[in-house]
Amino acid sequence: MKEKYNQIWELASPYLKAGVMKDFVLHTKGVISAMEIILQNEKGDEDILIPAAILHDTGWSKVPAHLQKSKESADKRYAMELHLEYAAPIISEILTKVNYAPNKENAN
């Protein structure tokens, strides 16, 4: 991962560590590595895709542990919905802290 994304990683890490369903830190490192390989071979905007890879599972930190660990399909579905709902404000907070330009056309 490039150094310019380290600040996003540092802010996201506590959220990733708080998820209990699986090792979200390890999983996210794998997603970042896969994204870097994809970016080498396909067109895409690294400045959008790498932060997305880092932040994509931060919402699990707010999902109750019993839902994350449940074997019931209704609980799993509800946990997934909550993870998506909780992720948006976390992602927004982190990107605001690093002064991420929401619209690259308007970036300095």
C-alpha atoms as a PDB file:
ATOM      1  CA  MET A   1       0.000   0.000   0.000  1.00  0.00           C
ATOM      2  CA  LYS A   2       1.350   3.407  -0.923  1.00  0.00           C
ATOM      3  CA  GLU A   3       2.360   5.771   1.826  1.00  0.00           C
ATOM      4  CA  LYS A   4      -0.267   8.343   0.858  1.00  0.00           C
ATOM      5  CA  TYR A   5      -2.980   5.959   2.062  1.00  0.00           C
ATOM      6  CA  ASN A   6      -1.356   5.285   5.448  1.00  0.00           C
ATOM      7  CA  GLN A   7      -3.379   7.952   7.236  1.00  0.00           C
ATOM      8  CA  ILE A   8      -6.637   6.418   5.994  1.00  0.00           C
ATOM      9  CA  TRP A   9      -5.370   2.977   7.073  1.00  0.00           C
ATOM     10  CA  GLU A  10      -4.421   4.246  10.546  1.00  0.00           C
ATOM     11  CA  LEU A  11      -7.858   5.777  11.076  1.00  0.00           C
ATOM     12  CA  ALA A  12      -9.678   2.728   9.691  1.00  0.00           C
ATOM     13  CA  SER A  13      -7.668   0.129  11.624  1.00  0.00           C
ATOM     14  CA  PRO A  14      -9.456   0.529  14.983  1.00  0.00           C
ATOM     15  CA  TYR A  15     -12.797  -0.032  13.234  1.00  0.00           C
ATOM     16  CA  LEU A  16     -11.457  -3.074  11.399  1.00  0.00           C
ATOM     17  CA  LYS A  17     -10.051  -4.504  14.641  1.00  0.00           C
ATOM     18  CA  ALA A  18     -13.445  -4.074  16.353  1.00  0.00           C
ATOM     19  CA  GLY A  19     -15.240  -6.450  13.984  1.00  0.00           C
ATOM     20  CA  VAL A  20     -15.596  -9.946  15.440  1.00  0.00           C
ATOM     21  CA  MET A  21     -16.966 -12.006  12.568  1.00  0.00           C
ATOM     22  CA  LYS A  22     -13.490 -12.498  11.070  1.00  0.00           C
ATOM     23  CA  ASP A  23     -10.071 -10.864  11.012  1.00  0.00           C
ATOM     24  CA  PHE A  24     -11.058  -7.725   9.135  1.00  0.00           C
ATOM     25  CA  VAL A  25      -7.512  -6.334   9.236  1.00  0.00           C
ATOM     26  CA  LEU A  26      -6.132  -9.380   7.443  1.00  0.00           C
ATOM     27  CA  HIS A  27      -9.113  -9.486   5.086  1.00  0.00           C
ATOM     28  CA  THR A  28      -8.753  -5.793   4.218  1.00  0.00           C
ATOM     29  CA  LYS A  29      -5.023  -6.179   3.539  1.00  0.00           C
ATOM     30  CA  GLY A  30      -5.956  -8.940   1.083  1.00  0.00           C
ATOM     31  CA  VAL A  31      -8.548  -6.721  -0.588  1.00  0.00           C
ATOM     32  CA  ILE A  32      -5.990  -3.914  -0.919  1.00  0.00           C
ATOM     33  CA  SER A  33      -3.451  -6.299  -2.467  1.00  0.00           C
ATOM     34  CA  ALA A  34      -6.064  -7.608  -4.897  1.00  0.00           C
ATOM     35  CA  MET A  35      -7.073  -4.040  -5.789  1.00  0.00           C
ATOM     36  CA  GLU A  36      -3.435  -3.118  -6.485  1.00  0.00           C
ATOM     37  CA  ILE A  37      -3.135  -6.091  -8.864  1.00  0.00           C
ATOM     38  CA  ILE A  38      -6.353  -5.119 -10.605  1.00  0.00           C
ATOM     39  CA  LEU A  39      -5.138  -1.531 -10.954  1.00  0.00           C
ATOM     40  CA  GLN A  40      -1.922  -2.749 -12.602  1.00  0.00           C
ATOM     41  CA  ASN A  41      -3.921  -4.551 -15.284  1.00  0.00           C
ATOM     42  CA  GLU A  42      -7.097  -2.528 -15.669  1.00  0.00           C
ATOM     43  CA  LYS A  43      -8.030   1.120 -15.830  1.00  0.00           C
ATOM     44  CA  GLY A  44      -9.264   2.637 -12.611  1.00  0.00           C
ATOM     45  CA  ASP A  45      -8.696   5.526 -10.271  1.00  0.00           C
ATOM     46  CA  GLU A  46      -6.333   4.419  -7.519  1.00  0.00           C
ATOM     47  CA  ASP A  47      -7.285   7.434  -5.399  1.00  0.00           C
ATOM     48  CA  ILE A  48     -10.848   6.144  -5.256  1.00  0.00           C
ATOM     49  CA  LEU A  49     -10.345   2.390  -5.322  1.00  0.00           C
ATOM     50  CA  ILE A  50      -7.615   2.039  -2.677  1.00  0.00           C
ATOM     51  CA  PRO A  51      -9.466   4.123  -0.057  1.00  0.00           C
ATOM     52  CA  ALA A  52     -12.618   2.133  -0.892  1.00  0.00           C
ATOM     53  CA  ALA A  53     -10.705  -1.109  -0.341  1.00  0.00           C
ATOM     54  CA  ILE A  54      -9.389   0.147   3.006  1.00  0.00           C
ATOM     55  CA  LEU A  55     -12.744   1.409   4.263  1.00  0.00           C
ATOM     56  CA  HIS A  56     -15.204  -1.134   2.895  1.00  0.00           C
ATOM     57  CA  ASP A  57     -15.658  -3.157   6.108  1.00  0.00           C
ATOM     58  CA  THR A  58     -15.424  -0.446   8.776  1.00  0.00           C
ATOM     59  CA  GLY A  59     -19.157  -0.689   9.441  1.00  0.00           C
ATOM     60  CA  TRP A  60     -18.762  -4.142  11.012  1.00  0.00           C
ATOM     61  CA  SER A  61     -17.300  -2.414  14.068  1.00  0.00           C
ATOM     62  CA  LYS A  62     -20.776  -1.225  15.039  1.00  0.00           C
ATOM     63  CA  VAL A  63     -22.666  -4.472  14.340  1.00  0.00           C
ATOM     64  CA  PRO A  64     -23.433  -6.369  17.574  1.00  0.00           C
ATOM     65  CA  ALA A  65     -21.194  -9.411  18.045  1.00  0.00           C
ATOM     66  CA  HIS A  66     -24.118 -11.808  18.406  1.00  0.00           C
ATOM     67  CA  LEU A  67     -25.341 -10.836  14.925  1.00  0.00           C
ATOM     68  CA  GLN A  68     -21.864 -11.132  13.414  1.00  0.00           C
ATOM     69  CA  LYS A  69     -21.452 -14.635  14.842  1.00  0.00           C
ATOM     70  CA  SER A  70     -24.982 -15.878  14.238  1.00  0.00           C
ATOM     71  CA  LYS A  71     -25.577 -18.874  11.987  1.00  0.00           C
ATOM     72  CA  GLU A  72     -29.181 -17.803  11.300  1.00  0.00           C
ATOM     73  CA  SER A  73     -29.698 -16.491   7.793  1.00  0.00           C
ATOM     74  CA  ALA A  74     -32.037 -13.697   8.944  1.00  0.00           C
ATOM     75  CA  ASP A  75     -29.414 -12.509  11.439  1.00  0.00           C
ATOM     76  CA  LYS A  76     -26.679 -12.686   8.811  1.00  0.00           C
ATOM     77  CA  ARG A  77     -28.785 -10.626   6.418  1.00  0.00           C
ATOM     78  CA  TYR A  78     -29.591  -8.073   9.118  1.00  0.00           C
ATOM     79  CA  ALA A  79     -25.900  -7.877  10.121  1.00  0.00           C
ATOM     80  CA  MET A  80     -24.969  -7.199   6.495  1.00  0.00           C
ATOM     81  CA  GLU A  81     -27.571  -4.424   6.268  1.00  0.00           C
ATOM     82  CA  LEU A  82     -26.316  -2.863   9.498  1.00  0.00           C
ATOM     83  CA  HIS A  83     -22.695  -3.044   8.341  1.00  0.00           C
ATOM     84  CA  LEU A  84     -23.622  -1.093   5.219  1.00  0.00           C
ATOM     85  CA  GLU A  85     -25.686   1.435   7.168  1.00  0.00           C
ATOM     86  CA  TYR A  86     -22.965   2.011   9.767  1.00  0.00           C
ATOM     87  CA  ALA A  87     -20.142   2.232   7.244  1.00  0.00           C
ATOM     88  CA  ALA A  88     -21.222   5.470   5.553  1.00  0.00           C
ATOM     89  CA  PRO A  89     -20.790   7.815   8.540  1.00  0.00           C
ATOM     90  CA  ILE A  90     -17.523   6.122   9.556  1.00  0.00           C
ATOM     91  CA  ILE A  91     -16.139   6.473   6.041  1.00  0.00           C
ATOM     92  CA  SER A  92     -17.277  10.081   5.848  1.00  0.00           C
ATOM     93  CA  GLU A  93     -15.622  10.872   9.180  1.00  0.00           C
ATOM     94  CA  ILE A  94     -12.311   9.286   8.172  1.00  0.00           C
ATOM     95  CA  LEU A  95     -12.210  10.912   4.748  1.00  0.00           C
ATOM     96  CA  THR A  96     -13.029  14.291   6.290  1.00  0.00           C
ATOM     97  CA  LYS A  97     -10.164  13.894   8.781  1.00  0.00           C
ATOM     98  CA  VAL A  98      -7.682  13.277   5.949  1.00  0.00           C
ATOM     99  CA  ASN A  99      -9.095  16.125   3.817  1.00  0.00           C
ATOM    100  CA  TYR A 100     -10.059  13.725   1.063  1.00  0.00           C
ATOM    101  CA  ALA A 101     -11.513  15.617  -1.894  1.00  0.00           C
ATOM    102  CA  PRO A 102     -14.995  14.204  -2.514  1.00  0.00           C
ATOM    103  CA  ASN A 103     -14.940  15.512  -6.078  1.00  0.00           C
ATOM    104  CA  LYS A 104     -11.558  15.171  -7.703  1.00  0.00           C
ATOM    105  CA  GLU A 105     -12.435  17.843 -10.253  1.00  0.00           C
ATOM    106  CA  ASN A 106     -12.572  20.323  -7.394  1.00  0.00           C
ATOM    107  CA  ALA A 107      -9.402  19.043  -5.705  1.00  0.00           C
ATOM    108  CA  ASN A 108      -6.327  21.238  -5.480  1.00  0.00           C
END
